[in-house]
PDB file of N, CA and C in Angstrom:
ATOM      1  N   UNK A   1       0.807  -1.118  -0.338  1.00  0.00           N
ATOM      2  CA  UNK A   1       0.325   0.139  -0.066  1.00  0.00           C
ATOM      3  C   UNK A   1       0.931   1.464  -0.024  1.00  0.00           C
ATOM      4  N   UNK A   2       0.295   2.118  -1.161  1.00  0.00           N
ATOM      5  CA  UNK A   2       1.324   3.290  -0.952  1.00  0.00           C
ATOM      6  C   UNK A   2       0.414   4.675  -0.951  1.00  0.00           C
ATOM      7  N   UNK A   3       0.790   5.457  -0.415  1.00  0.00           N
ATOM      8  CA  UNK A   3      -0.091   6.921  -0.049  1.00  0.00           C
ATOM      9  C   UNK A   3       0.659   8.078  -0.819  1.00  0.00           C
ATOM     10  N   UNK A   4      -0.196   8.653  -1.358  1.00  0.00           N
ATOM     11  CA  UNK A   4       0.091   9.798  -2.434  1.00  0.00           C
ATOM     12  C   UNK A   4      -0.026  10.928  -1.276  1.00  0.00           C
ATOM     13  N   UNK A   5       0.779  11.950  -1.540  1.00  0.00           N
ATOM     14  CA  UNK A   5       1.067  13.037  -0.743  1.00  0.00           C
ATOM     15  C   UNK A   5       1.306  14.554  -1.520  1.00  0.00           C
ATOM     16  N   UNK A   6       0.438  15.408  -1.706  1.00  0.00           N
ATOM     17  CA  UNK A   6       0.699  16.425  -2.265  1.00  0.00           C
ATOM     18  C   UNK A   6       1.171  17.725  -1.195  1.00  0.00           C
ATOM     19  N   UNK A   7       1.946  18.498  -1.211  1.00  0.00           N
ATOM     20  CA  UNK A   7       2.288  19.799  -0.776  1.00  0.00           C
ATOM     21  C   UNK A   7       3.288  19.747   0.061  1.00  0.00           C
ATOM     22  N   UNK A   8       4.155  18.406   0.192  1.00  0.00           N
ATOM     23  CA  UNK A   8       5.258  17.916   0.890  1.00  0.00           C
ATOM     24  C   UNK A   8       6.310  19.066   1.350  1.00  0.00           C
ATOM     25  N   UNK A   9       6.211  20.022   0.618  1.00  0.00           N
ATOM     26  CA  UNK A   9       7.319  21.104   0.773  1.00  0.00           C
ATOM     27  C   UNK A   9       6.581  21.972   1.914  1.00  0.00           C
ATOM     28  N   UNK A  10       5.703  22.205   1.735  1.00  0.00           N
ATOM     29  CA  UNK A  10       4.649  22.992   2.627  1.00  0.00           C
ATOM     30  C   UNK A  10       4.906  22.695   4.541  1.00  0.00           C
ATOM     31  N   UNK A  11       4.412  23.338   5.239  1.00  0.00           N
ATOM     32  CA  UNK A  11       4.519  23.013   6.613  1.00  0.00           C
ATOM     33  C   UNK A  11       3.699  21.825   7.301  1.00  0.00           C
ATOM     34  N   UNK A  12       2.533  21.792   6.493  1.00  0.00           N
ATOM     35  CA  UNK A  12       1.559  20.765   7.186  1.00  0.00           C
ATOM     36  C   UNK A  12       1.850  19.519   6.390  1.00  0.00           C
ATOM     37  N   UNK A  13       2.444  19.257   5.239  1.00  0.00           N
ATOM     38  CA  UNK A  13       2.380  18.361   4.255  1.00  0.00           C
ATOM     39  C   UNK A  13       3.611  17.753   4.552  1.00  0.00           C
ATOM     40  N   UNK A  14       5.088  18.138   4.900  1.00  0.00           N
ATOM     41  CA  UNK A  14       6.342  17.921   5.294  1.00  0.00           C
ATOM     42  C   UNK A  14       5.926  17.562   6.467  1.00  0.00           C
ATOM     43  N   UNK A  15       5.451  17.924   7.792  1.00  0.00           N
ATOM     44  CA  UNK A  15       5.423  17.426   9.089  1.00  0.00           C
ATOM     45  C   UNK A  15       4.339  16.011   8.924  1.00  0.00           C
ATOM     46  N   UNK A  16       3.398  15.714   7.816  1.00  0.00           N
ATOM     47  CA  UNK A  16       2.338  14.703   7.382  1.00  0.00           C
ATOM     48  C   UNK A  16       3.687  13.481   6.904  1.00  0.00           C
ATOM     49  N   UNK A  17       4.245  13.899   5.904  1.00  0.00           N
ATOM     50  CA  UNK A  17       5.208  12.990   5.266  1.00  0.00           C
ATOM     51  C   UNK A  17       6.175  12.507   6.341  1.00  0.00           C
ATOM     52  N   UNK A  18       6.829  13.142   7.235  1.00  0.00           N
ATOM     53  CA  UNK A  18       7.444  12.768   8.238  1.00  0.00           C
ATOM     54  C   UNK A  18       6.896  11.353   9.230  1.00  0.00           C
ATOM     55  N   UNK A  19       5.745  11.732   9.639  1.00  0.00           N
ATOM     56  CA  UNK A  19       4.766  11.488  10.534  1.00  0.00           C
ATOM     57  C   UNK A  19       4.259   9.824  10.072  1.00  0.00           C
ATOM     58  N   UNK A  20       4.055   9.654   8.829  1.00  0.00           N
ATOM     59  CA  UNK A  20       3.824   8.639   7.793  1.00  0.00           C
ATOM     60  C   UNK A  20       5.099   7.895   7.537  1.00  0.00           C
ATOM     61  N   UNK A  21       6.351   8.241   7.253  1.00  0.00           N
ATOM     62  CA  UNK A  21       7.414   7.530   7.286  1.00  0.00           C
ATOM     63  C   UNK A  21       7.853   6.766   8.832  1.00  0.00           C
ATOM     64  N   UNK A  22       7.554   7.518   9.425  1.00  0.00           N
ATOM     65  CA  UNK A  22       8.020   7.012  10.692  1.00  0.00           C
ATOM     66  C   UNK A  22       6.626   6.053  11.098  1.00  0.00           C
ATOM     67  N   UNK A  23       5.787   6.010  10.724  1.00  0.00           N
ATOM     68  CA  UNK A  23       4.719   4.905  10.723  1.00  0.00           C
ATOM     69  C   UNK A  23       5.251   3.386   9.593  1.00  0.00           C
ATOM     70  N   UNK A  24       6.073   3.662   9.070  1.00  0.00           N
ATOM     71  CA  UNK A  24       6.461   2.629   7.727  1.00  0.00           C
ATOM     72  C   UNK A  24       5.744   2.635   7.104  1.00  0.00           C
ATOM     73  N   UNK A  25       5.475   3.853   6.521  1.00  0.00           N
ATOM     74  CA  UNK A  25       4.537   3.784   5.380  1.00  0.00           C
ATOM     75  C   UNK A  25       5.195   4.416   4.035  1.00  0.00           C
ATOM     76  N   UNK A  26       4.517   3.453   2.953  1.00  0.00           N
ATOM     77  CA  UNK A  26       5.190   4.024   1.693  1.00  0.00           C
ATOM     78  C   UNK A  26       4.883   5.100   1.202  1.00  0.00           C
ATOM     79  N   UNK A  27       5.350   6.142   0.845  1.00  0.00           N
ATOM     80  CA  UNK A  27       4.590   7.483   0.646  1.00  0.00           C
ATOM     81  C   UNK A  27       5.414   7.945  -1.169  1.00  0.00           C
ATOM     82  N   UNK A  28       4.426   8.400  -1.669  1.00  0.00           N
ATOM     83  CA  UNK A  28       4.666   9.330  -2.676  1.00  0.00           C
ATOM     84  C   UNK A  28       4.720  10.482  -2.762  1.00  0.00           C
ATOM     85  N   UNK A  29       5.418  10.990  -3.076  1.00  0.00           N
ATOM     86  CA  UNK A  29       5.461  12.747  -3.028  1.00  0.00           C
ATOM     87  C   UNK A  29       5.172  13.497  -4.578  1.00  0.00           C
ATOM     88  N   UNK A  30       4.233  13.939  -4.545  1.00  0.00           N
ATOM     89  CA  UNK A  30       3.908  15.238  -5.712  1.00  0.00           C
ATOM     90  C   UNK A  30       4.718  16.044  -5.449  1.00  0.00           C
ATOM     91  N   UNK A  31       5.803  16.993  -5.711  1.00  0.00           N
ATOM     92  CA  UNK A  31       6.158  18.284  -5.603  1.00  0.00           C
ATOM     93  C   UNK A  31       6.632  18.712  -6.864  1.00  0.00           C
ATOM     94  N   UNK A  32       6.454  20.136  -6.827  1.00  0.00           N
ATOM     95  CA  UNK A  32       7.048  21.041  -8.149  1.00  0.00           C
ATOM     96  C   UNK A  32       8.494  21.503  -8.110  1.00  0.00           C
ATOM     97  N   UNK A  33       9.155  20.956  -6.872  1.00  0.00           N
ATOM     98  CA  UNK A  33      10.465  21.069  -6.712  1.00  0.00           C
ATOM     99  C   UNK A  33      11.073  20.165  -6.062  1.00  0.00           C
ATOM    100  N   UNK A  34      11.620  19.243  -6.679  1.00  0.00           N
ATOM    101  CA  UNK A  34      12.331  17.617  -6.065  1.00  0.00           C
ATOM    102  C   UNK A  34      13.476  18.046  -5.638  1.00  0.00           C
ATOM    103  N   UNK A  35      14.000  19.107  -5.820  1.00  0.00           N
ATOM    104  CA  UNK A  35      15.140  19.837  -5.275  1.00  0.00           C
ATOM    105  C   UNK A  35      15.113  20.492  -3.697  1.00  0.00           C
ATOM    106  N   UNK A  36      13.646  20.950  -3.481  1.00  0.00           N
ATOM    107  CA  UNK A  36      13.769  21.152  -1.950  1.00  0.00           C
ATOM    108  C   UNK A  36      14.445  20.678  -0.811  1.00  0.00           C
ATOM    109  N   UNK A  37      15.007  21.591   0.044  1.00  0.00           N
ATOM    110  CA  UNK A  37      15.837  21.378   0.832  1.00  0.00           C
ATOM    111  C   UNK A  37      15.239  20.582   2.129  1.00  0.00           C
ATOM    112  N   UNK A  38      13.802  20.959   2.091  1.00  0.00           N
ATOM    113  CA  UNK A  38      12.806  20.245   3.100  1.00  0.00           C
ATOM    114  C   UNK A  38      12.273  18.945   3.278  1.00  0.00           C
ATOM    115  N   UNK A  39      12.840  18.073   1.916  1.00  0.00           N
ATOM    116  CA  UNK A  39      12.003  17.009   1.348  1.00  0.00           C
ATOM    117  C   UNK A  39      12.620  15.802   2.551  1.00  0.00           C
ATOM    118  N   UNK A  40      11.754  15.282   2.731  1.00  0.00           N
ATOM    119  CA  UNK A  40      12.272  13.746   3.440  1.00  0.00           C
ATOM    120  C   UNK A  40      12.820  13.025   2.778  1.00  0.00           C
ATOM    121  N   UNK A  41      13.865  12.315   3.262  1.00  0.00           N
ATOM    122  CA  UNK A  41      14.657  11.111   2.401  1.00  0.00           C
ATOM    123  C   UNK A  41      14.521   9.806   3.109  1.00  0.00           C
ATOM    124  N   UNK A  42      13.965   8.599   2.625  1.00  0.00           N
ATOM    125  CA  UNK A  42      14.136   7.494   3.090  1.00  0.00           C
ATOM    126  C   UNK A  42      13.661   6.863   2.152  1.00  0.00           C
ATOM    127  N   UNK A  43      13.937   5.334   2.602  1.00  0.00           N
ATOM    128  CA  UNK A  43      13.886   4.079   1.137  1.00  0.00           C
ATOM    129  C   UNK A  43      12.805   3.746   0.874  1.00  0.00           C
ATOM    130  N   UNK A  44      11.227   4.157   1.689  1.00  0.00           N
ATOM    131  CA  UNK A  44      10.160   3.963   0.890  1.00  0.00           C
ATOM    132  C   UNK A  44       9.473   5.234   0.660  1.00  0.00           C
ATOM    133  N   UNK A  45      10.260   6.128   0.174  1.00  0.00           N
ATOM    134  CA  UNK A  45       9.966   7.507  -0.554  1.00  0.00           C
ATOM    135  C   UNK A  45       9.817   7.455  -2.253  1.00  0.00           C
ATOM    136  N   UNK A  46       9.296   7.905  -2.622  1.00  0.00           N
ATOM    137  CA  UNK A  46       9.247   7.920  -3.914  1.00  0.00           C
ATOM    138  C   UNK A  46       8.717   9.517  -4.219  1.00  0.00           C
ATOM    139  N   UNK A  47       9.909  10.438  -4.987  1.00  0.00           N
ATOM    140  CA  UNK A  47       9.314  11.469  -5.584  1.00  0.00           C
ATOM    141  C   UNK A  47       9.201  11.999  -6.644  1.00  0.00           C
ATOM    142  N   UNK A  48       7.962  12.439  -6.903  1.00  0.00           N
ATOM    143  CA  UNK A  48       7.587  12.611  -8.341  1.00  0.00           C
ATOM    144  C   UNK A  48       7.500  14.036  -8.755  1.00  0.00           C
ATOM    145  N   UNK A  49       7.871  15.015  -9.855  1.00  0.00           N
ATOM    146  CA  UNK A  49       8.016  15.925 -10.217  1.00  0.00           C
ATOM    147  C   UNK A  49       6.980  16.454 -10.754  1.00  0.00           C
ATOM    148  N   UNK A  50       5.921  17.132 -10.311  1.00  0.00           N
ATOM    149  CA  UNK A  50       4.831  17.902 -11.713  1.00  0.00           C
ATOM    150  C   UNK A  50       3.743  18.584 -10.965  1.00  0.00           C
ATOM    151  N   UNK A  51       2.822  18.821 -11.299  1.00  0.00           N
ATOM    152  CA  UNK A  51       2.194  19.671 -10.441  1.00  0.00           C
ATOM    153  C   UNK A  51       0.565  19.485 -10.459  1.00  0.00           C
ATOM    154  N   UNK A  52       0.101  19.954  -9.510  1.00  0.00           N
ATOM    155  CA  UNK A  52      -1.405  18.988  -8.857  1.00  0.00           C
ATOM    156  C   UNK A  52      -2.402  19.727 -10.435  1.00  0.00           C
ATOM    157  N   UNK A  53      -2.022  20.557 -10.937  1.00  0.00           N
ATOM    158  CA  UNK A  53      -3.078  21.172 -12.241  1.00  0.00           C
ATOM    159  C   UNK A  53      -2.698  20.474 -13.395  1.00  0.00           C
ATOM    160  N   UNK A  54      -1.740  19.221 -13.298  1.00  0.00           N
ATOM    161  CA  UNK A  54      -1.381  18.418 -14.578  1.00  0.00           C
ATOM    162  C   UNK A  54      -2.154  17.012 -14.341  1.00  0.00           C
ATOM    163  N   UNK A  55      -3.178  16.696 -14.846  1.00  0.00           N
ATOM    164  CA  UNK A  55      -3.447  14.965 -14.712  1.00  0.00           C
ATOM    165  C   UNK A  55      -2.888  14.258 -15.270  1.00  0.00           C
ATOM    166  N   UNK A  56      -1.450  14.373 -16.042  1.00  0.00           N
ATOM    167  CA  UNK A  56      -0.882  13.327 -16.200  1.00  0.00           C
ATOM    168  C   UNK A  56       0.280  13.324 -15.275  1.00  0.00           C
ATOM    169  N   UNK A  57       0.529  14.237 -14.863  1.00  0.00           N
ATOM    170  CA  UNK A  57       1.534  13.832 -13.513  1.00  0.00           C
ATOM    171  C   UNK A  57       0.893  13.153 -12.243  1.00  0.00           C
ATOM    172  N   UNK A  58      -0.075  13.738 -11.980  1.00  0.00           N
ATOM    173  CA  UNK A  58      -0.777  13.197 -10.718  1.00  0.00           C
ATOM    174  C   UNK A  58      -1.540  11.747 -10.710  1.00  0.00           C
ATOM    175  N   UNK A  59      -1.764  11.384 -11.999  1.00  0.00           N
ATOM    176  CA  UNK A  59      -2.027  10.103 -12.608  1.00  0.00           C
ATOM    177  C   UNK A  59      -0.610   9.089 -12.141  1.00  0.00           C
ATOM    178  N   UNK A  60       0.654   9.887 -12.578  1.00  0.00           N
ATOM    179  CA  UNK A  60       1.582   8.760 -12.707  1.00  0.00           C
ATOM    180  C   UNK A  60       2.047   8.940 -11.153  1.00  0.00           C
ATOM    181  N   UNK A  61       1.874   9.844 -10.377  1.00  0.00           N
ATOM    182  CA  UNK A  61       2.190   9.772  -8.754  1.00  0.00           C
ATOM    183  C   UNK A  61       1.453   8.710  -8.061  1.00  0.00           C
ATOM    184  N   UNK A  62       0.181   8.779  -8.708  1.00  0.00           N
ATOM    185  CA  UNK A  62      -0.822   8.039  -8.177  1.00  0.00           C
ATOM    186  C   UNK A  62      -0.829   6.807  -8.179  1.00  0.00           C
ATOM    187  N   UNK A  63      -0.336   6.321  -9.012  1.00  0.00           N
ATOM    188  CA  UNK A  63      -0.256   4.994  -9.525  1.00  0.00           C
ATOM    189  C   UNK A  63       0.240   3.885  -8.135  1.00  0.00           C
ATOM    190  N   UNK A  64      -0.693   2.743  -7.915  1.00  0.00           N
ATOM    191  CA  UNK A  64      -0.449   2.055  -6.890  1.00  0.00           C
ATOM    192  C   UNK A  64      -0.909   2.531  -5.147  1.00  0.00           C
ATOM    193  N   UNK A  65      -1.328   3.781  -5.259  1.00  0.00           N
ATOM    194  CA  UNK A  65      -1.743   4.402  -4.039  1.00  0.00           C
ATOM    195  C   UNK A  65      -3.329   4.050  -3.910  1.00  0.00           C
ATOM    196  N   UNK A  66      -3.303   3.579  -2.403  1.00  0.00           N
ATOM    197  CA  UNK A  66      -4.346   3.298  -2.201  1.00  0.00           C
ATOM    198  C   UNK A  66      -5.313   4.865  -1.225  1.00  0.00           C
ATOM    199  N   UNK A  67      -4.463   5.285  -1.091  1.00  0.00           N
ATOM    200  CA  UNK A  67      -4.978   6.823  -0.184  1.00  0.00           C
ATOM    201  C   UNK A  67      -4.047   8.110  -0.674  1.00  0.00           C
ATOM    202  N   UNK A  68      -4.943   8.802  -0.282  1.00  0.00           N
ATOM    203  CA  UNK A  68      -4.161  10.513  -0.908  1.00  0.00           C
ATOM    204  C   UNK A  68      -4.376  11.579   0.243  1.00  0.00           C
ATOM    205  N   UNK A  69      -3.401  12.349   0.179  1.00  0.00           N
ATOM    206  CA  UNK A  69      -3.336  12.993   1.409  1.00  0.00           C
ATOM    207  C   UNK A  69      -3.632  14.801   0.516  1.00  0.00           C
ATOM    208  N   UNK A  70      -4.102  15.430   0.373  1.00  0.00           N
ATOM    209  CA  UNK A  70      -3.847  16.578  -0.524  1.00  0.00           C
ATOM    210  C   UNK A  70      -3.733  17.869   0.257  1.00  0.00           C
ATOM    211  N   UNK A  71      -2.239  18.078   0.476  1.00  0.00           N
ATOM    212  CA  UNK A  71      -1.628  19.086   1.536  1.00  0.00           C
ATOM    213  C   UNK A  71      -1.473  20.374   0.952  1.00  0.00           C
ATOM    214  N   UNK A  72      -1.308  20.307  -1.122  1.00  0.00           N
ATOM    215  CA  UNK A  72      -0.980  21.525  -1.598  1.00  0.00           C
ATOM    216  C   UNK A  72      -1.879  22.861  -1.526  1.00  0.00           C
TER     217      UNK A  72
END
């Protein structure tokens, strides 16, 4: 089971990303800037560069996910 999280570079999304990782969840992050310094790094994270206004990148990041947290 994977979880898609948008807004991981913002305060709420970033805190949620860290909490999900602490719980051992696999997390897909959809971000505009994959080079952002505050993104968490872990083996169970996948980072997807994209924008929530682009259905193609959202679909790609959402593939295989059973839950979505929209914090953007």
